[in-house]
N, C-alpha and C. Protein backbone atom coordinates (compact mmCIF):
# COMPACT_ATOMS: atom_id res chain seq x y z
N UNK A 1 4.94 -4.87 -17.13
CA UNK A 1 5.16 -4.60 -15.71
C UNK A 1 5.68 -5.85 -14.99
N UNK A 2 5.19 -7.02 -15.37
CA UNK A 2 5.69 -8.24 -14.73
C UNK A 2 7.17 -8.42 -15.05
N UNK A 3 7.59 -8.05 -16.27
CA UNK A 3 9.01 -8.12 -16.62
C UNK A 3 9.81 -7.15 -15.77
N UNK A 4 9.23 -5.96 -15.51
CA UNK A 4 9.90 -4.98 -14.65
C UNK A 4 10.04 -5.53 -13.24
N UNK A 5 9.01 -6.20 -12.75
CA UNK A 5 9.09 -6.83 -11.43
C UNK A 5 10.27 -7.80 -11.38
N UNK A 6 10.36 -8.67 -12.38
CA UNK A 6 11.43 -9.68 -12.41
C UNK A 6 12.79 -9.01 -12.42
N UNK A 7 12.91 -7.93 -13.21
CA UNK A 7 14.18 -7.21 -13.28
C UNK A 7 14.55 -6.60 -11.93
N UNK A 8 13.56 -5.99 -11.27
CA UNK A 8 13.84 -5.36 -9.98
C UNK A 8 14.18 -6.40 -8.93
N UNK A 9 13.44 -7.51 -8.90
CA UNK A 9 13.74 -8.56 -7.95
C UNK A 9 15.15 -9.11 -8.18
N UNK A 10 15.55 -9.23 -9.46
CA UNK A 10 16.89 -9.71 -9.76
C UNK A 10 17.95 -8.74 -9.25
N UNK A 11 17.67 -7.44 -9.36
CA UNK A 11 18.62 -6.43 -8.87
C UNK A 11 18.74 -6.49 -7.36
N UNK A 12 17.69 -6.96 -6.70
CA UNK A 12 17.74 -7.09 -5.25
C UNK A 12 18.32 -8.40 -4.77
N UNK A 13 18.90 -9.18 -5.69
CA UNK A 13 19.50 -10.48 -5.36
C UNK A 13 18.50 -11.41 -4.70
N UNK A 14 17.25 -11.38 -5.18
CA UNK A 14 16.20 -12.23 -4.64
C UNK A 14 16.44 -13.68 -5.06
N UNK A 15 16.25 -14.60 -4.14
CA UNK A 15 16.28 -16.02 -4.45
C UNK A 15 14.91 -16.39 -5.00
N UNK A 16 14.82 -16.57 -6.32
CA UNK A 16 13.52 -16.79 -6.96
C UNK A 16 12.86 -18.09 -6.52
N UNK A 17 13.63 -19.02 -5.97
CA UNK A 17 13.02 -20.26 -5.48
C UNK A 17 12.19 -20.00 -4.21
N UNK A 18 12.41 -18.85 -3.57
CA UNK A 18 11.66 -18.50 -2.35
C UNK A 18 10.52 -17.52 -2.63
N UNK A 19 10.34 -17.14 -3.90
CA UNK A 19 9.38 -16.10 -4.26
C UNK A 19 8.18 -16.71 -4.98
N UNK A 20 6.99 -16.37 -4.51
CA UNK A 20 5.75 -16.72 -5.20
C UNK A 20 5.02 -15.42 -5.54
N UNK A 21 4.74 -15.21 -6.81
CA UNK A 21 4.01 -14.02 -7.25
C UNK A 21 2.68 -14.47 -7.84
N UNK A 22 1.60 -13.81 -7.44
CA UNK A 22 0.27 -14.23 -7.88
C UNK A 22 -0.68 -13.05 -7.75
N UNK A 23 -1.96 -13.32 -8.00
CA UNK A 23 -3.01 -12.33 -7.78
C UNK A 23 -3.96 -12.83 -6.71
N UNK A 24 -4.30 -11.94 -5.80
CA UNK A 24 -5.36 -12.20 -4.83
C UNK A 24 -6.64 -11.61 -5.41
N UNK A 25 -7.66 -12.44 -5.56
CA UNK A 25 -8.88 -12.02 -6.26
C UNK A 25 -9.96 -11.59 -5.27
N UNK A 26 -10.50 -10.37 -5.49
CA UNK A 26 -11.56 -9.82 -4.65
C UNK A 26 -12.78 -9.53 -5.52
N UNK A 27 -13.88 -9.20 -4.85
CA UNK A 27 -15.06 -8.65 -5.52
C UNK A 27 -15.26 -7.24 -4.97
N UNK A 28 -15.19 -6.24 -5.82
CA UNK A 28 -15.41 -4.85 -5.42
C UNK A 28 -16.67 -4.36 -6.12
N UNK A 29 -17.70 -4.08 -5.33
CA UNK A 29 -18.99 -3.65 -5.87
C UNK A 29 -19.46 -4.60 -6.98
N UNK A 30 -19.29 -5.90 -6.72
CA UNK A 30 -19.76 -6.93 -7.64
C UNK A 30 -18.84 -7.23 -8.81
N UNK A 31 -17.70 -6.53 -8.91
CA UNK A 31 -16.79 -6.74 -10.03
C UNK A 31 -15.50 -7.41 -9.55
N UNK A 32 -14.91 -8.22 -10.44
CA UNK A 32 -13.63 -8.87 -10.11
C UNK A 32 -12.55 -7.81 -9.97
N UNK A 33 -11.72 -7.99 -8.96
CA UNK A 33 -10.63 -7.04 -8.70
C UNK A 33 -9.41 -7.85 -8.30
N UNK A 34 -8.30 -7.67 -9.01
CA UNK A 34 -7.08 -8.44 -8.78
C UNK A 34 -6.05 -7.60 -8.03
N UNK A 35 -5.51 -8.16 -6.97
CA UNK A 35 -4.47 -7.50 -6.17
C UNK A 35 -3.16 -8.26 -6.36
N UNK A 36 -2.14 -7.60 -6.90
CA UNK A 36 -0.84 -8.24 -7.11
C UNK A 36 -0.21 -8.53 -5.75
N UNK A 37 0.21 -9.76 -5.58
CA UNK A 37 0.69 -10.23 -4.28
C UNK A 37 1.97 -11.06 -4.46
N UNK A 38 2.92 -10.85 -3.57
CA UNK A 38 4.16 -11.63 -3.57
C UNK A 38 4.36 -12.21 -2.16
N UNK A 39 4.82 -13.44 -2.11
CA UNK A 39 5.19 -14.06 -0.83
C UNK A 39 6.65 -14.49 -0.96
N UNK A 40 7.47 -14.06 0.01
CA UNK A 40 8.89 -14.39 -0.02
C UNK A 40 9.29 -15.04 1.29
N UNK A 41 10.00 -16.16 1.17
CA UNK A 41 10.43 -16.93 2.34
C UNK A 41 9.21 -17.45 3.10
N UNK A 42 8.46 -18.32 2.47
CA UNK A 42 7.18 -18.81 3.01
C UNK A 42 7.40 -19.81 4.13
N UNK A 43 8.04 -19.32 5.19
CA UNK A 43 8.33 -20.13 6.37
C UNK A 43 7.30 -19.79 7.44
N UNK A 44 6.32 -20.65 7.65
CA UNK A 44 5.22 -20.36 8.57
C UNK A 44 5.68 -20.32 10.03
N UNK A 45 6.91 -20.74 10.30
CA UNK A 45 7.44 -20.65 11.67
C UNK A 45 7.92 -19.24 11.99
N UNK A 46 8.08 -18.41 10.97
CA UNK A 46 8.48 -17.02 11.19
C UNK A 46 7.24 -16.13 11.28
N UNK A 47 7.38 -15.01 11.94
CA UNK A 47 6.32 -14.01 11.97
C UNK A 47 6.11 -13.45 10.56
N UNK A 48 4.87 -13.14 10.22
CA UNK A 48 4.57 -12.59 8.90
C UNK A 48 4.61 -11.07 8.94
N UNK A 49 5.33 -10.49 7.98
CA UNK A 49 5.39 -9.04 7.80
C UNK A 49 4.68 -8.71 6.49
N UNK A 50 3.57 -7.98 6.58
CA UNK A 50 2.83 -7.53 5.41
C UNK A 50 3.38 -6.17 4.99
N UNK A 51 3.74 -6.03 3.72
CA UNK A 51 4.38 -4.81 3.23
C UNK A 51 3.62 -4.23 2.05
N UNK A 52 3.62 -2.90 1.96
CA UNK A 52 3.11 -2.25 0.75
C UNK A 52 3.82 -0.92 0.53
N UNK A 53 3.43 -0.24 -0.51
CA UNK A 53 4.20 0.85 -1.11
C UNK A 53 3.53 2.20 -0.95
N UNK A 54 4.18 3.21 -1.51
CA UNK A 54 3.66 4.57 -1.50
C UNK A 54 2.94 4.93 -2.79
N UNK A 55 2.62 6.20 -2.93
CA UNK A 55 1.84 6.71 -4.06
C UNK A 55 2.55 6.46 -5.38
N UNK A 56 1.82 5.94 -6.36
CA UNK A 56 2.35 5.78 -7.71
C UNK A 56 3.37 4.67 -7.86
N UNK A 57 3.51 3.82 -6.85
CA UNK A 57 4.53 2.77 -6.89
C UNK A 57 3.87 1.39 -6.92
N UNK A 58 4.65 0.37 -6.58
CA UNK A 58 4.13 -0.99 -6.46
C UNK A 58 4.88 -1.67 -5.33
N UNK A 59 4.39 -2.81 -4.93
CA UNK A 59 5.02 -3.53 -3.82
C UNK A 59 6.47 -3.89 -4.11
N UNK A 60 6.73 -4.34 -5.33
CA UNK A 60 8.11 -4.76 -5.63
C UNK A 60 9.06 -3.57 -5.62
N UNK A 61 8.59 -2.38 -6.02
CA UNK A 61 9.45 -1.20 -6.02
C UNK A 61 9.88 -0.83 -4.60
N UNK A 62 8.98 -1.03 -3.65
CA UNK A 62 9.29 -0.70 -2.27
C UNK A 62 10.18 -1.76 -1.63
N UNK A 63 9.97 -3.02 -1.99
CA UNK A 63 10.57 -4.11 -1.22
C UNK A 63 11.84 -4.71 -1.80
N UNK A 64 12.11 -4.53 -3.10
CA UNK A 64 13.11 -5.39 -3.72
C UNK A 64 14.51 -5.25 -3.13
N UNK A 65 14.86 -4.09 -2.59
CA UNK A 65 16.21 -3.90 -2.03
C UNK A 65 16.31 -4.34 -0.57
N UNK A 66 15.17 -4.52 0.10
CA UNK A 66 15.23 -4.84 1.53
C UNK A 66 14.65 -6.22 1.85
N UNK A 67 14.18 -6.94 0.82
CA UNK A 67 13.55 -8.23 1.08
C UNK A 67 14.51 -9.26 1.67
N UNK A 68 15.71 -9.33 1.12
CA UNK A 68 16.64 -10.38 1.55
C UNK A 68 16.99 -10.24 3.03
N UNK A 69 17.40 -9.05 3.51
CA UNK A 69 17.69 -8.95 4.96
C UNK A 69 16.45 -9.13 5.82
N UNK A 70 15.29 -8.63 5.36
CA UNK A 70 14.06 -8.80 6.15
C UNK A 70 13.66 -10.26 6.25
N UNK A 71 13.91 -11.02 5.18
CA UNK A 71 13.51 -12.43 5.15
C UNK A 71 14.31 -13.28 6.13
N UNK A 72 15.41 -12.75 6.64
CA UNK A 72 16.13 -13.48 7.68
C UNK A 72 15.31 -13.54 8.97
N UNK A 73 14.38 -12.60 9.13
CA UNK A 73 13.61 -12.49 10.36
C UNK A 73 12.11 -12.73 10.18
N UNK A 74 11.61 -12.50 8.95
CA UNK A 74 10.17 -12.54 8.72
C UNK A 74 9.82 -13.35 7.48
N UNK A 75 8.60 -13.84 7.49
CA UNK A 75 7.95 -14.35 6.27
C UNK A 75 7.28 -13.12 5.66
N UNK A 76 7.60 -12.79 4.40
CA UNK A 76 7.16 -11.54 3.79
C UNK A 76 5.96 -11.75 2.86
N UNK A 77 4.94 -10.92 3.03
CA UNK A 77 3.81 -10.85 2.11
C UNK A 77 3.74 -9.40 1.64
N UNK A 78 3.82 -9.20 0.33
CA UNK A 78 3.89 -7.87 -0.25
C UNK A 78 2.73 -7.70 -1.22
N UNK A 79 2.04 -6.55 -1.17
CA UNK A 79 0.92 -6.37 -2.09
C UNK A 79 0.88 -4.95 -2.64
N UNK A 80 0.32 -4.84 -3.85
CA UNK A 80 0.05 -3.54 -4.46
C UNK A 80 -1.31 -3.09 -3.93
N UNK A 81 -1.43 -1.83 -3.53
CA UNK A 81 -2.71 -1.38 -2.99
C UNK A 81 -3.37 -0.37 -3.94
N UNK A 82 -4.68 -0.18 -3.72
CA UNK A 82 -5.43 0.73 -4.57
C UNK A 82 -5.39 0.29 -6.02
N UNK A 83 -5.33 1.24 -6.93
CA UNK A 83 -5.27 0.93 -8.36
C UNK A 83 -3.86 0.97 -8.90
N UNK A 84 -2.86 0.82 -8.03
CA UNK A 84 -1.46 0.94 -8.42
C UNK A 84 -0.87 -0.40 -8.85
N UNK A 85 0.38 -0.33 -9.35
CA UNK A 85 1.11 -1.54 -9.70
C UNK A 85 0.39 -2.37 -10.73
N UNK A 86 0.30 -3.67 -10.48
CA UNK A 86 -0.36 -4.58 -11.40
C UNK A 86 -1.78 -4.91 -10.97
N UNK A 87 -2.34 -4.10 -10.09
CA UNK A 87 -3.73 -4.31 -9.68
C UNK A 87 -4.69 -3.93 -10.80
N UNK A 88 -5.91 -4.45 -10.70
CA UNK A 88 -6.97 -4.00 -11.60
C UNK A 88 -7.12 -2.49 -11.46
N UNK A 89 -7.18 -1.79 -12.57
CA UNK A 89 -7.33 -0.34 -12.52
C UNK A 89 -8.78 0.02 -12.18
N UNK A 90 -8.92 1.00 -11.31
CA UNK A 90 -10.25 1.48 -10.92
C UNK A 90 -10.63 2.57 -11.92
N UNK A 91 -11.39 2.20 -12.93
CA UNK A 91 -11.70 3.12 -14.03
C UNK A 91 -12.93 3.97 -13.76
N UNK A 92 -13.83 3.48 -12.93
CA UNK A 92 -15.02 4.25 -12.59
C UNK A 92 -14.84 4.85 -11.20
N UNK A 93 -15.01 6.16 -11.10
CA UNK A 93 -14.83 6.82 -9.82
C UNK A 93 -15.93 6.37 -8.86
N UNK A 94 -15.55 5.77 -7.73
CA UNK A 94 -16.58 5.28 -6.78
C UNK A 94 -17.28 6.45 -6.09
N UNK A 95 -18.57 6.59 -6.33
CA UNK A 95 -19.33 7.71 -5.77
C UNK A 95 -19.24 7.74 -4.25
N UNK A 96 -19.17 6.56 -3.63
CA UNK A 96 -19.12 6.50 -2.16
C UNK A 96 -17.84 7.10 -1.60
N UNK A 97 -16.82 7.28 -2.44
CA UNK A 97 -15.55 7.80 -1.95
C UNK A 97 -15.35 9.28 -2.24
N UNK A 98 -16.27 9.90 -2.96
CA UNK A 98 -16.04 11.25 -3.45
C UNK A 98 -16.72 12.35 -2.64
N UNK A 99 -17.55 11.99 -1.69
CA UNK A 99 -18.35 13.00 -1.00
C UNK A 99 -17.54 13.81 0.02
N UNK A 100 -16.47 13.22 0.57
CA UNK A 100 -15.68 13.92 1.58
C UNK A 100 -14.35 13.18 1.78
N UNK A 101 -13.36 13.84 2.41
CA UNK A 101 -12.12 13.13 2.73
C UNK A 101 -12.36 11.91 3.62
N UNK A 102 -13.29 12.02 4.57
CA UNK A 102 -13.60 10.88 5.43
C UNK A 102 -14.15 9.71 4.63
N UNK A 103 -15.00 10.01 3.64
CA UNK A 103 -15.57 8.95 2.80
C UNK A 103 -14.48 8.28 1.96
N UNK A 104 -13.55 9.09 1.48
CA UNK A 104 -12.44 8.55 0.70
C UNK A 104 -11.60 7.61 1.55
N UNK A 105 -11.29 8.04 2.78
CA UNK A 105 -10.51 7.20 3.69
C UNK A 105 -11.27 5.90 4.01
N UNK A 106 -12.57 6.01 4.23
CA UNK A 106 -13.39 4.83 4.54
C UNK A 106 -13.36 3.84 3.37
N UNK A 107 -13.40 4.36 2.14
CA UNK A 107 -13.34 3.51 0.96
C UNK A 107 -12.03 2.73 0.92
N UNK A 108 -10.91 3.43 1.18
CA UNK A 108 -9.60 2.76 1.14
C UNK A 108 -9.46 1.75 2.27
N UNK A 109 -9.95 2.10 3.45
CA UNK A 109 -9.88 1.15 4.57
C UNK A 109 -10.67 -0.11 4.24
N UNK A 110 -11.83 0.05 3.63
CA UNK A 110 -12.64 -1.12 3.25
C UNK A 110 -11.93 -1.95 2.18
N UNK A 111 -11.26 -1.29 1.23
CA UNK A 111 -10.50 -2.02 0.21
C UNK A 111 -9.37 -2.81 0.86
N UNK A 112 -8.67 -2.18 1.80
CA UNK A 112 -7.62 -2.89 2.54
C UNK A 112 -8.20 -4.05 3.33
N UNK A 113 -9.33 -3.81 3.99
CA UNK A 113 -9.95 -4.87 4.80
C UNK A 113 -10.28 -6.09 3.94
N UNK A 114 -10.89 -5.83 2.79
CA UNK A 114 -11.24 -6.94 1.91
C UNK A 114 -9.99 -7.68 1.44
N UNK A 115 -8.94 -6.93 1.10
CA UNK A 115 -7.69 -7.54 0.65
C UNK A 115 -7.12 -8.44 1.74
N UNK A 116 -7.03 -7.90 2.96
CA UNK A 116 -6.47 -8.66 4.08
C UNK A 116 -7.35 -9.87 4.40
N UNK A 117 -8.66 -9.69 4.37
CA UNK A 117 -9.57 -10.80 4.68
C UNK A 117 -9.41 -11.95 3.69
N UNK A 118 -9.32 -11.62 2.39
CA UNK A 118 -9.16 -12.68 1.38
C UNK A 118 -7.80 -13.33 1.50
N UNK A 119 -6.75 -12.55 1.76
CA UNK A 119 -5.43 -13.14 1.97
C UNK A 119 -5.44 -14.10 3.15
N UNK A 120 -6.21 -13.76 4.19
CA UNK A 120 -6.32 -14.63 5.36
C UNK A 120 -7.07 -15.91 5.00
N UNK A 121 -8.19 -15.77 4.28
CA UNK A 121 -8.96 -16.94 3.85
C UNK A 121 -8.12 -17.86 2.97
N UNK A 122 -7.23 -17.28 2.16
CA UNK A 122 -6.38 -18.06 1.27
C UNK A 122 -5.20 -18.71 1.99
N UNK A 123 -5.01 -18.37 3.26
CA UNK A 123 -3.88 -18.91 4.02
C UNK A 123 -2.59 -18.12 3.86
N UNK A 124 -2.67 -16.95 3.19
CA UNK A 124 -1.47 -16.13 2.98
C UNK A 124 -1.13 -15.27 4.20
N UNK A 125 -2.13 -14.95 5.02
CA UNK A 125 -1.91 -14.15 6.23
C UNK A 125 -2.45 -14.89 7.45
N UNK A 126 -1.73 -14.78 8.57
CA UNK A 126 -2.25 -15.33 9.82
C UNK A 126 -3.25 -14.36 10.45
N UNK A 127 -3.92 -14.74 11.53
CA UNK A 127 -4.88 -13.84 12.17
C UNK A 127 -4.27 -12.51 12.61
N UNK A 128 -2.98 -12.52 13.04
CA UNK A 128 -2.29 -11.28 13.40
C UNK A 128 -0.95 -11.26 12.68
N UNK A 129 -0.54 -10.06 12.28
CA UNK A 129 0.69 -9.94 11.50
C UNK A 129 1.33 -8.58 11.78
N UNK A 130 2.61 -8.47 11.42
CA UNK A 130 3.30 -7.19 11.42
C UNK A 130 2.95 -6.48 10.12
N UNK A 131 2.87 -5.14 10.16
CA UNK A 131 2.51 -4.36 8.98
C UNK A 131 3.49 -3.21 8.81
N UNK A 132 4.02 -3.06 7.60
CA UNK A 132 4.86 -1.91 7.29
C UNK A 132 4.45 -1.35 5.93
N UNK A 133 4.53 -0.03 5.80
CA UNK A 133 4.15 0.61 4.54
C UNK A 133 4.89 1.94 4.42
N UNK A 134 5.05 2.37 3.19
CA UNK A 134 5.83 3.56 2.87
C UNK A 134 4.92 4.70 2.38
N UNK A 135 5.19 5.91 2.83
CA UNK A 135 4.57 7.14 2.31
C UNK A 135 3.05 7.06 2.35
N UNK A 136 2.37 7.20 1.19
CA UNK A 136 0.91 7.16 1.19
C UNK A 136 0.39 5.82 1.70
N UNK A 137 1.14 4.75 1.44
CA UNK A 137 0.77 3.45 2.00
C UNK A 137 0.81 3.48 3.51
N UNK A 138 1.73 4.28 4.08
CA UNK A 138 1.80 4.43 5.53
C UNK A 138 0.55 5.07 6.10
N UNK A 139 -0.01 6.04 5.36
CA UNK A 139 -1.26 6.67 5.79
C UNK A 139 -2.37 5.62 5.85
N UNK A 140 -2.50 4.82 4.79
CA UNK A 140 -3.56 3.81 4.76
C UNK A 140 -3.31 2.71 5.79
N UNK A 141 -2.03 2.40 6.03
CA UNK A 141 -1.71 1.40 7.05
C UNK A 141 -2.15 1.90 8.43
N UNK A 142 -1.91 3.20 8.71
CA UNK A 142 -2.36 3.77 9.98
C UNK A 142 -3.88 3.71 10.10
N UNK A 143 -4.56 4.05 9.01
CA UNK A 143 -6.02 4.02 9.03
C UNK A 143 -6.53 2.59 9.23
N UNK A 144 -5.96 1.65 8.47
CA UNK A 144 -6.40 0.26 8.61
C UNK A 144 -6.17 -0.24 10.03
N UNK A 145 -4.98 0.05 10.57
CA UNK A 145 -4.65 -0.43 11.92
C UNK A 145 -5.55 0.21 12.97
N UNK A 146 -5.97 1.45 12.75
CA UNK A 146 -6.83 2.12 13.74
C UNK A 146 -8.23 1.51 13.76
N UNK A 147 -8.69 1.01 12.60
CA UNK A 147 -10.01 0.40 12.53
C UNK A 147 -9.98 -1.10 12.85
N UNK A 148 -8.82 -1.72 12.63
CA UNK A 148 -8.72 -3.18 12.82
C UNK A 148 -7.48 -3.54 13.64
N UNK A 149 -7.37 -2.99 14.85
CA UNK A 149 -6.18 -3.27 15.66
C UNK A 149 -6.04 -4.73 16.04
N UNK A 150 -7.15 -5.47 15.98
CA UNK A 150 -7.10 -6.89 16.35
C UNK A 150 -6.26 -7.71 15.37
N UNK A 151 -5.99 -7.16 14.17
CA UNK A 151 -5.21 -7.88 13.17
C UNK A 151 -3.72 -7.56 13.25
N UNK A 152 -3.37 -6.49 13.96
CA UNK A 152 -2.00 -5.97 13.90
C UNK A 152 -1.20 -6.34 15.14
N UNK A 153 -0.08 -7.02 14.91
CA UNK A 153 0.83 -7.34 16.01
C UNK A 153 1.77 -6.17 16.28
N UNK A 154 2.21 -5.51 15.22
CA UNK A 154 3.04 -4.31 15.35
C UNK A 154 2.98 -3.55 14.03
N UNK A 155 3.13 -2.23 14.11
CA UNK A 155 3.05 -1.37 12.93
C UNK A 155 4.36 -0.61 12.79
N UNK A 156 5.00 -0.74 11.61
CA UNK A 156 6.24 -0.04 11.31
C UNK A 156 5.99 0.85 10.10
N UNK A 157 6.20 2.15 10.24
CA UNK A 157 5.88 3.09 9.16
C UNK A 157 7.16 3.68 8.58
N UNK A 158 7.20 3.78 7.25
CA UNK A 158 8.35 4.30 6.53
C UNK A 158 7.98 5.64 5.90
N UNK A 159 8.42 6.74 6.49
CA UNK A 159 8.10 8.09 6.00
C UNK A 159 6.63 8.22 5.66
N UNK A 160 5.73 7.94 6.60
CA UNK A 160 4.30 7.91 6.27
C UNK A 160 3.73 9.30 5.96
N UNK A 161 2.87 9.35 4.95
CA UNK A 161 2.11 10.57 4.68
C UNK A 161 1.06 10.72 5.78
N UNK A 162 0.63 11.96 5.99
CA UNK A 162 -0.45 12.20 6.95
C UNK A 162 -0.04 12.14 8.40
N UNK A 163 1.26 12.10 8.67
CA UNK A 163 1.71 11.98 10.06
C UNK A 163 2.30 13.27 10.60
N UNK A 164 2.31 14.32 9.77
CA UNK A 164 2.85 15.59 10.23
C UNK A 164 1.86 16.29 11.14
N UNK A 165 2.32 17.31 11.83
CA UNK A 165 1.46 18.03 12.77
C UNK A 165 0.23 18.59 12.05
N UNK A 166 -0.91 18.40 12.66
CA UNK A 166 -2.18 18.79 12.03
C UNK A 166 -2.85 19.88 12.86
N UNK A 167 -3.21 20.97 12.21
CA UNK A 167 -3.93 22.05 12.86
C UNK A 167 -5.15 22.36 11.99
N UNK A 168 -6.35 22.05 12.51
CA UNK A 168 -7.56 22.15 11.70
C UNK A 168 -7.77 23.56 11.16
N UNK A 169 -7.34 24.57 11.88
CA UNK A 169 -7.58 25.95 11.45
C UNK A 169 -6.76 26.30 10.21
N UNK A 170 -5.58 25.69 10.06
CA UNK A 170 -4.70 26.04 8.94
C UNK A 170 -4.52 24.92 7.94
N UNK A 171 -5.15 23.77 8.17
CA UNK A 171 -4.94 22.61 7.31
C UNK A 171 -5.47 22.87 5.90
N UNK A 172 -4.66 22.57 4.91
CA UNK A 172 -5.05 22.68 3.52
C UNK A 172 -4.61 21.40 2.82
N UNK A 173 -5.56 20.52 2.43
CA UNK A 173 -5.17 19.24 1.82
C UNK A 173 -4.43 19.38 0.51
N UNK A 174 -4.44 20.58 -0.10
CA UNK A 174 -3.73 20.77 -1.35
C UNK A 174 -2.26 21.13 -1.14
N UNK A 175 -1.88 21.35 0.10
CA UNK A 175 -0.48 21.68 0.35
C UNK A 175 0.33 20.40 0.42
N UNK A 176 0.99 20.09 -0.65
CA UNK A 176 1.82 18.89 -0.72
C UNK A 176 3.26 19.31 -0.51
N UNK A 177 3.89 18.76 0.52
CA UNK A 177 5.25 19.15 0.83
C UNK A 177 6.20 18.51 -0.18
N UNK A 178 6.99 19.32 -0.85
CA UNK A 178 7.88 18.79 -1.86
C UNK A 178 9.35 18.95 -1.49
N UNK A 179 9.64 19.43 -0.30
CA UNK A 179 11.02 19.58 0.13
C UNK A 179 11.08 19.60 1.65
N UNK A 180 12.19 19.12 2.20
CA UNK A 180 12.36 19.16 3.65
C UNK A 180 13.04 20.46 4.10
N UNK A 181 13.34 21.35 3.17
CA UNK A 181 13.97 22.62 3.53
C UNK A 181 12.95 23.56 4.16
N UNK A 182 13.45 24.50 4.94
CA UNK A 182 12.55 25.45 5.61
C UNK A 182 11.80 26.32 4.62
N UNK A 183 12.39 26.57 3.47
CA UNK A 183 11.76 27.46 2.50
C UNK A 183 11.04 26.69 1.39
N UNK A 184 10.52 25.49 1.73
CA UNK A 184 9.88 24.68 0.70
C UNK A 184 8.63 25.38 0.15
N UNK A 185 8.30 25.04 -1.08
CA UNK A 185 7.16 25.65 -1.76
C UNK A 185 6.08 24.60 -1.99
N UNK A 186 4.86 25.06 -2.21
CA UNK A 186 3.75 24.17 -2.49
C UNK A 186 3.24 24.42 -3.91
N UNK A 187 2.83 23.35 -4.61
CA UNK A 187 2.16 23.59 -5.90
C UNK A 187 0.78 24.19 -5.65
N UNK A 188 0.26 24.82 -6.65
CA UNK A 188 -1.07 25.42 -6.52
C UNK A 188 -2.15 24.34 -6.59
N UNK A 189 -3.36 24.69 -6.14
CA UNK A 189 -4.51 23.77 -6.23
C UNK A 189 -4.72 23.36 -7.69
N UNK A 190 -4.59 24.30 -8.60
CA UNK A 190 -4.79 24.01 -10.02
C UNK A 190 -3.78 22.97 -10.51
N UNK A 191 -2.51 23.12 -10.10
CA UNK A 191 -1.48 22.17 -10.51
C UNK A 191 -1.75 20.78 -9.95
N UNK A 192 -2.18 20.72 -8.69
CA UNK A 192 -2.48 19.44 -8.07
C UNK A 192 -3.66 18.77 -8.77
N UNK A 193 -4.72 19.54 -9.03
CA UNK A 193 -5.89 18.98 -9.71
C UNK A 193 -5.51 18.45 -11.10
N UNK A 194 -4.65 19.18 -11.80
CA UNK A 194 -4.22 18.75 -13.14
C UNK A 194 -3.47 17.42 -13.03
N UNK A 195 -2.57 17.30 -12.06
CA UNK A 195 -1.80 16.06 -11.88
C UNK A 195 -2.70 14.90 -11.53
N UNK A 196 -3.66 15.13 -10.61
CA UNK A 196 -4.59 14.08 -10.22
C UNK A 196 -5.42 13.64 -11.43
N UNK A 197 -5.82 14.61 -12.27
CA UNK A 197 -6.57 14.28 -13.48
C UNK A 197 -5.78 13.41 -14.43
N UNK A 198 -4.48 13.69 -14.57
CA UNK A 198 -3.62 12.88 -15.44
C UNK A 198 -3.55 11.45 -14.92
N UNK A 199 -3.38 11.29 -13.60
CA UNK A 199 -3.30 9.95 -13.01
C UNK A 199 -4.62 9.22 -13.15
N UNK A 200 -5.73 9.94 -13.02
CA UNK A 200 -7.05 9.31 -13.11
C UNK A 200 -7.33 8.80 -14.51
N UNK A 201 -6.76 9.48 -15.51
CA UNK A 201 -6.96 9.04 -16.90
C UNK A 201 -6.17 7.79 -17.16
């Protein structure tokens, strides 16, 4: 995967002398947890833009084509979230996250909070920063920003999940939109559960 990162960064015409790739180390329920982190254009005089990715991706996949133009305006910090990318894989299902959708969201917000807090302690993030995220990352970015607005200078969302019109009477979390056409179809609950099971393995 690290070789894939290098290849993708090269395709994005990244200046490798401006790129630092490392792991941010956390403790999750007493266990070591590594978060893949990249810093590009480490100019502390520029505003910091924290970036992350969508479902099943990694930070470099989201950022490699847009890092160079963004770095003209921002100091970039990019991280893999959850168990994606080159992060430590979460092999044991956290019981605290499984009781309800709210509990699951709370678990992810806490994981983000710990990641941001350690990045701040390490000097990688300032007290306030710009935040952008894509798709499922956009959902977690919205959640994090709603719980910790004191850390966010501005929020930029890229096709965020969870931002469509919500009606509690008709909401079905298994309805995953797979097309922007009016006649789009949804996979069945069984198909979604099977896919989630494959990813969990």
